[in-house]
């Protein structure tokens, strides 16, 4: 015997979790300190890691632009949440290093529409 609640419970399906996109792809960063290139990795719906030679300071707002080989572009705004400086040895015993930043995606800051008046 089934009831109305059984039917409702069976029809509810939670959204699938968003996993990591494990591809590496070129990105462009734009912030207060200028423009830099990088390699985007481990992208999720909330942020990503970007290898870059020019890491931006913690707390910096950056625009991350993704471009496709066909010319399409998408830009997201993010905030630098952490920096990484990794040194490692390769299989041939030579040393190598990598720098990068962790970016959390945020809502774009809206431009102010003129001066704000004071409240009396």
C-alpha atoms as a PDB file:
ATOM      1  CA  UNK A   1       0.000   0.000   0.000  1.00  0.00           C
ATOM      2  CA  UNK A   2       1.364   3.422  -0.877  1.00  0.00           C
ATOM      3  CA  UNK A   3       0.548   6.813   0.461  1.00  0.00           C
ATOM      4  CA  UNK A   4       0.907  10.320  -0.913  1.00  0.00           C
ATOM      5  CA  UNK A   5       4.065  10.887   1.151  1.00  0.00           C
ATOM      6  CA  UNK A   6       5.690   7.773  -0.328  1.00  0.00           C
ATOM      7  CA  UNK A   7       5.126   9.164  -3.811  1.00  0.00           C
ATOM      8  CA  UNK A   8       6.572  12.535  -2.834  1.00  0.00           C
ATOM      9  CA  UNK A   9       9.629  10.981  -1.200  1.00  0.00           C
ATOM     10  CA  UNK A  10      10.297   8.790  -4.224  1.00  0.00           C
ATOM     11  CA  UNK A  11      10.006  11.708  -6.647  1.00  0.00           C
ATOM     12  CA  UNK A  12      12.466  13.939  -4.739  1.00  0.00           C
ATOM     13  CA  UNK A  13      15.986  13.601  -6.089  1.00  0.00           C
ATOM     14  CA  UNK A  14      18.714  15.763  -4.553  1.00  0.00           C
ATOM     15  CA  UNK A  15      20.872  17.674  -7.028  1.00  0.00           C
ATOM     16  CA  UNK A  16      24.026  15.936  -8.093  1.00  0.00           C
ATOM     17  CA  UNK A  17      27.133  17.306  -6.393  1.00  0.00           C
ATOM     18  CA  UNK A  18      29.408  19.386  -8.545  1.00  0.00           C
ATOM     19  CA  UNK A  19      32.778  17.725  -8.813  1.00  0.00           C
ATOM     20  CA  UNK A  20      36.107  19.108  -9.840  1.00  0.00           C
ATOM     21  CA  UNK A  21      36.845  19.738 -13.473  1.00  0.00           C
ATOM     22  CA  UNK A  22      40.253  18.119 -13.729  1.00  0.00           C
ATOM     23  CA  UNK A  23      41.492  19.651 -16.980  1.00  0.00           C
ATOM     24  CA  UNK A  24      44.174  22.340 -17.232  1.00  0.00           C
ATOM     25  CA  UNK A  25      43.458  25.351 -19.422  1.00  0.00           C
ATOM     26  CA  UNK A  26      44.822  28.859 -19.992  1.00  0.00           C
ATOM     27  CA  UNK A  27      43.219  31.791 -18.152  1.00  0.00           C
ATOM     28  CA  UNK A  28      43.864  35.517 -17.932  1.00  0.00           C
ATOM     29  CA  UNK A  29      43.783  37.395 -14.623  1.00  0.00           C
ATOM     30  CA  UNK A  30      43.037  41.093 -14.249  1.00  0.00           C
ATOM     31  CA  UNK A  31      43.295  42.978 -10.980  1.00  0.00           C
ATOM     32  CA  UNK A  32      44.603  46.136  -9.329  1.00  0.00           C
ATOM     33  CA  UNK A  33      48.184  45.079 -10.086  1.00  0.00           C
ATOM     34  CA  UNK A  34      47.587  44.593 -13.805  1.00  0.00           C
ATOM     35  CA  UNK A  35      47.109  41.580 -16.029  1.00  0.00           C
ATOM     36  CA  UNK A  36      48.697  38.126 -15.778  1.00  0.00           C
ATOM     37  CA  UNK A  37      48.361  34.797 -17.503  1.00  0.00           C
ATOM     38  CA  UNK A  38      47.970  31.453 -15.830  1.00  0.00           C
ATOM     39  CA  UNK A  39      46.888  27.842 -16.013  1.00  0.00           C
ATOM     40  CA  UNK A  40      43.525  27.079 -14.409  1.00  0.00           C
ATOM     41  CA  UNK A  41      43.148  23.782 -12.570  1.00  0.00           C
ATOM     42  CA  UNK A  42      40.675  22.050 -10.262  1.00  0.00           C
ATOM     43  CA  UNK A  43      37.728  24.276 -11.119  1.00  0.00           C
ATOM     44  CA  UNK A  44      34.514  23.873  -9.123  1.00  0.00           C
ATOM     45  CA  UNK A  45      31.353  25.930  -8.923  1.00  0.00           C
ATOM     46  CA  UNK A  46      32.857  27.928  -6.033  1.00  0.00           C
ATOM     47  CA  UNK A  47      36.466  28.494  -7.101  1.00  0.00           C
ATOM     48  CA  UNK A  48      39.647  27.233  -8.697  1.00  0.00           C
ATOM     49  CA  UNK A  49      43.423  27.007  -8.460  1.00  0.00           C
ATOM     50  CA  UNK A  50      45.508  29.047 -10.920  1.00  0.00           C
ATOM     51  CA  UNK A  51      49.207  28.498 -11.569  1.00  0.00           C
ATOM     52  CA  UNK A  52      50.719  31.895 -12.316  1.00  0.00           C
ATOM     53  CA  UNK A  53      54.128  33.551 -12.268  1.00  0.00           C
ATOM     54  CA  UNK A  54      52.559  36.704 -10.839  1.00  0.00           C
ATOM     55  CA  UNK A  55      50.480  35.747  -7.776  1.00  0.00           C
ATOM     56  CA  UNK A  56      48.111  38.471  -6.613  1.00  0.00           C
ATOM     57  CA  UNK A  57      48.022  39.392  -2.895  1.00  0.00           C
ATOM     58  CA  UNK A  58      45.528  37.767  -0.537  1.00  0.00           C
ATOM     59  CA  UNK A  59      42.111  39.418  -0.602  1.00  0.00           C
ATOM     60  CA  UNK A  60      42.593  40.915  -4.066  1.00  0.00           C
ATOM     61  CA  UNK A  61      39.571  40.928  -6.364  1.00  0.00           C
ATOM     62  CA  UNK A  62      40.480  39.521  -9.770  1.00  0.00           C
ATOM     63  CA  UNK A  63      38.621  38.919 -13.005  1.00  0.00           C
ATOM     64  CA  UNK A  64      39.337  35.466 -14.414  1.00  0.00           C
ATOM     65  CA  UNK A  65      38.787  35.153 -18.161  1.00  0.00           C
ATOM     66  CA  UNK A  66      38.477  31.763 -19.820  1.00  0.00           C
ATOM     67  CA  UNK A  67      38.767  31.627 -23.587  1.00  0.00           C
ATOM     68  CA  UNK A  68      38.168  28.841 -26.063  1.00  0.00           C
ATOM     69  CA  UNK A  69      40.132  28.139 -29.237  1.00  0.00           C
ATOM     70  CA  UNK A  70      37.015  29.222 -31.156  1.00  0.00           C
ATOM     71  CA  UNK A  71      37.063  32.746 -29.699  1.00  0.00           C
ATOM     72  CA  UNK A  72      34.330  32.455 -27.056  1.00  0.00           C
ATOM     73  CA  UNK A  73      35.155  34.050 -23.691  1.00  0.00           C
ATOM     74  CA  UNK A  74      33.702  33.971 -20.198  1.00  0.00           C
ATOM     75  CA  UNK A  75      34.806  36.168 -17.295  1.00  0.00           C
ATOM     76  CA  UNK A  76      34.148  35.467 -13.601  1.00  0.00           C
ATOM     77  CA  UNK A  77      35.072  37.605 -10.627  1.00  0.00           C
ATOM     78  CA  UNK A  78      36.924  36.066  -7.735  1.00  0.00           C
ATOM     79  CA  UNK A  79      38.872  36.820  -4.586  1.00  0.00           C
ATOM     80  CA  UNK A  80      42.355  35.474  -3.878  1.00  0.00           C
ATOM     81  CA  UNK A  81      42.008  33.247  -0.808  1.00  0.00           C
ATOM     82  CA  UNK A  82      45.443  31.594  -0.657  1.00  0.00           C
ATOM     83  CA  UNK A  83      48.850  31.483  -2.325  1.00  0.00           C
ATOM     84  CA  UNK A  84      51.087  28.477  -2.971  1.00  0.00           C
ATOM     85  CA  UNK A  85      54.814  28.324  -3.584  1.00  0.00           C
ATOM     86  CA  UNK A  86      55.773  24.713  -4.203  1.00  0.00           C
ATOM     87  CA  UNK A  87      59.308  23.393  -4.744  1.00  0.00           C
ATOM     88  CA  UNK A  88      59.761  19.836  -5.948  1.00  0.00           C
ATOM     89  CA  UNK A  89      62.283  17.445  -7.497  1.00  0.00           C
ATOM     90  CA  UNK A  90      61.684  15.905 -10.898  1.00  0.00           C
ATOM     91  CA  UNK A  91      62.358  12.276 -11.800  1.00  0.00           C
ATOM     92  CA  UNK A  92      65.785  13.264 -13.166  1.00  0.00           C
ATOM     93  CA  UNK A  93      66.638  14.860  -9.770  1.00  0.00           C
ATOM     94  CA  UNK A  94      66.467  18.437 -11.086  1.00  0.00           C
ATOM     95  CA  UNK A  95      64.616  20.947  -8.994  1.00  0.00           C
ATOM     96  CA  UNK A  96      61.504  22.751 -10.130  1.00  0.00           C
ATOM     97  CA  UNK A  97      58.928  25.053  -8.648  1.00  0.00           C
ATOM     98  CA  UNK A  98      55.413  26.305  -9.081  1.00  0.00           C
ATOM     99  CA  UNK A  99      53.501  29.353  -7.852  1.00  0.00           C
ATOM    100  CA  UNK A 100      49.769  29.767  -7.783  1.00  0.00           C
ATOM    101  CA  UNK A 101      46.681  31.178  -6.125  1.00  0.00           C
ATOM    102  CA  UNK A 102      43.387  29.817  -4.927  1.00  0.00           C
ATOM    103  CA  UNK A 103      40.466  31.930  -6.091  1.00  0.00           C
ATOM    104  CA  UNK A 104      36.944  31.859  -4.656  1.00  0.00           C
ATOM    105  CA  UNK A 105      34.282  33.049  -7.079  1.00  0.00           C
ATOM    106  CA  UNK A 106      32.246  36.010  -5.814  1.00  0.00           C
ATOM    107  CA  UNK A 107      29.481  38.245  -7.088  1.00  0.00           C
ATOM    108  CA  UNK A 108      30.653  41.179  -9.174  1.00  0.00           C
ATOM    109  CA  UNK A 109      30.950  44.495  -7.392  1.00  0.00           C
ATOM    110  CA  UNK A 110      28.373  46.914  -8.715  1.00  0.00           C
ATOM    111  CA  UNK A 111      29.593  50.344  -9.710  1.00  0.00           C
ATOM    112  CA  UNK A 112      28.340  53.242  -7.631  1.00  0.00           C
ATOM    113  CA  UNK A 113      25.817  55.422  -9.492  1.00  0.00           C
ATOM    114  CA  UNK A 114      27.031  58.851  -8.479  1.00  0.00           C
ATOM    115  CA  UNK A 115      27.917  60.232  -5.057  1.00  0.00           C
ATOM    116  CA  UNK A 116      26.037  58.991  -2.032  1.00  0.00           C
ATOM    117  CA  UNK A 117      24.242  61.588  -0.029  1.00  0.00           C
ATOM    118  CA  UNK A 118      24.405  61.761   3.743  1.00  0.00           C
ATOM    119  CA  UNK A 119      21.467  60.751   5.886  1.00  0.00           C
ATOM    120  CA  UNK A 120      20.300  63.341   8.429  1.00  0.00           C
END
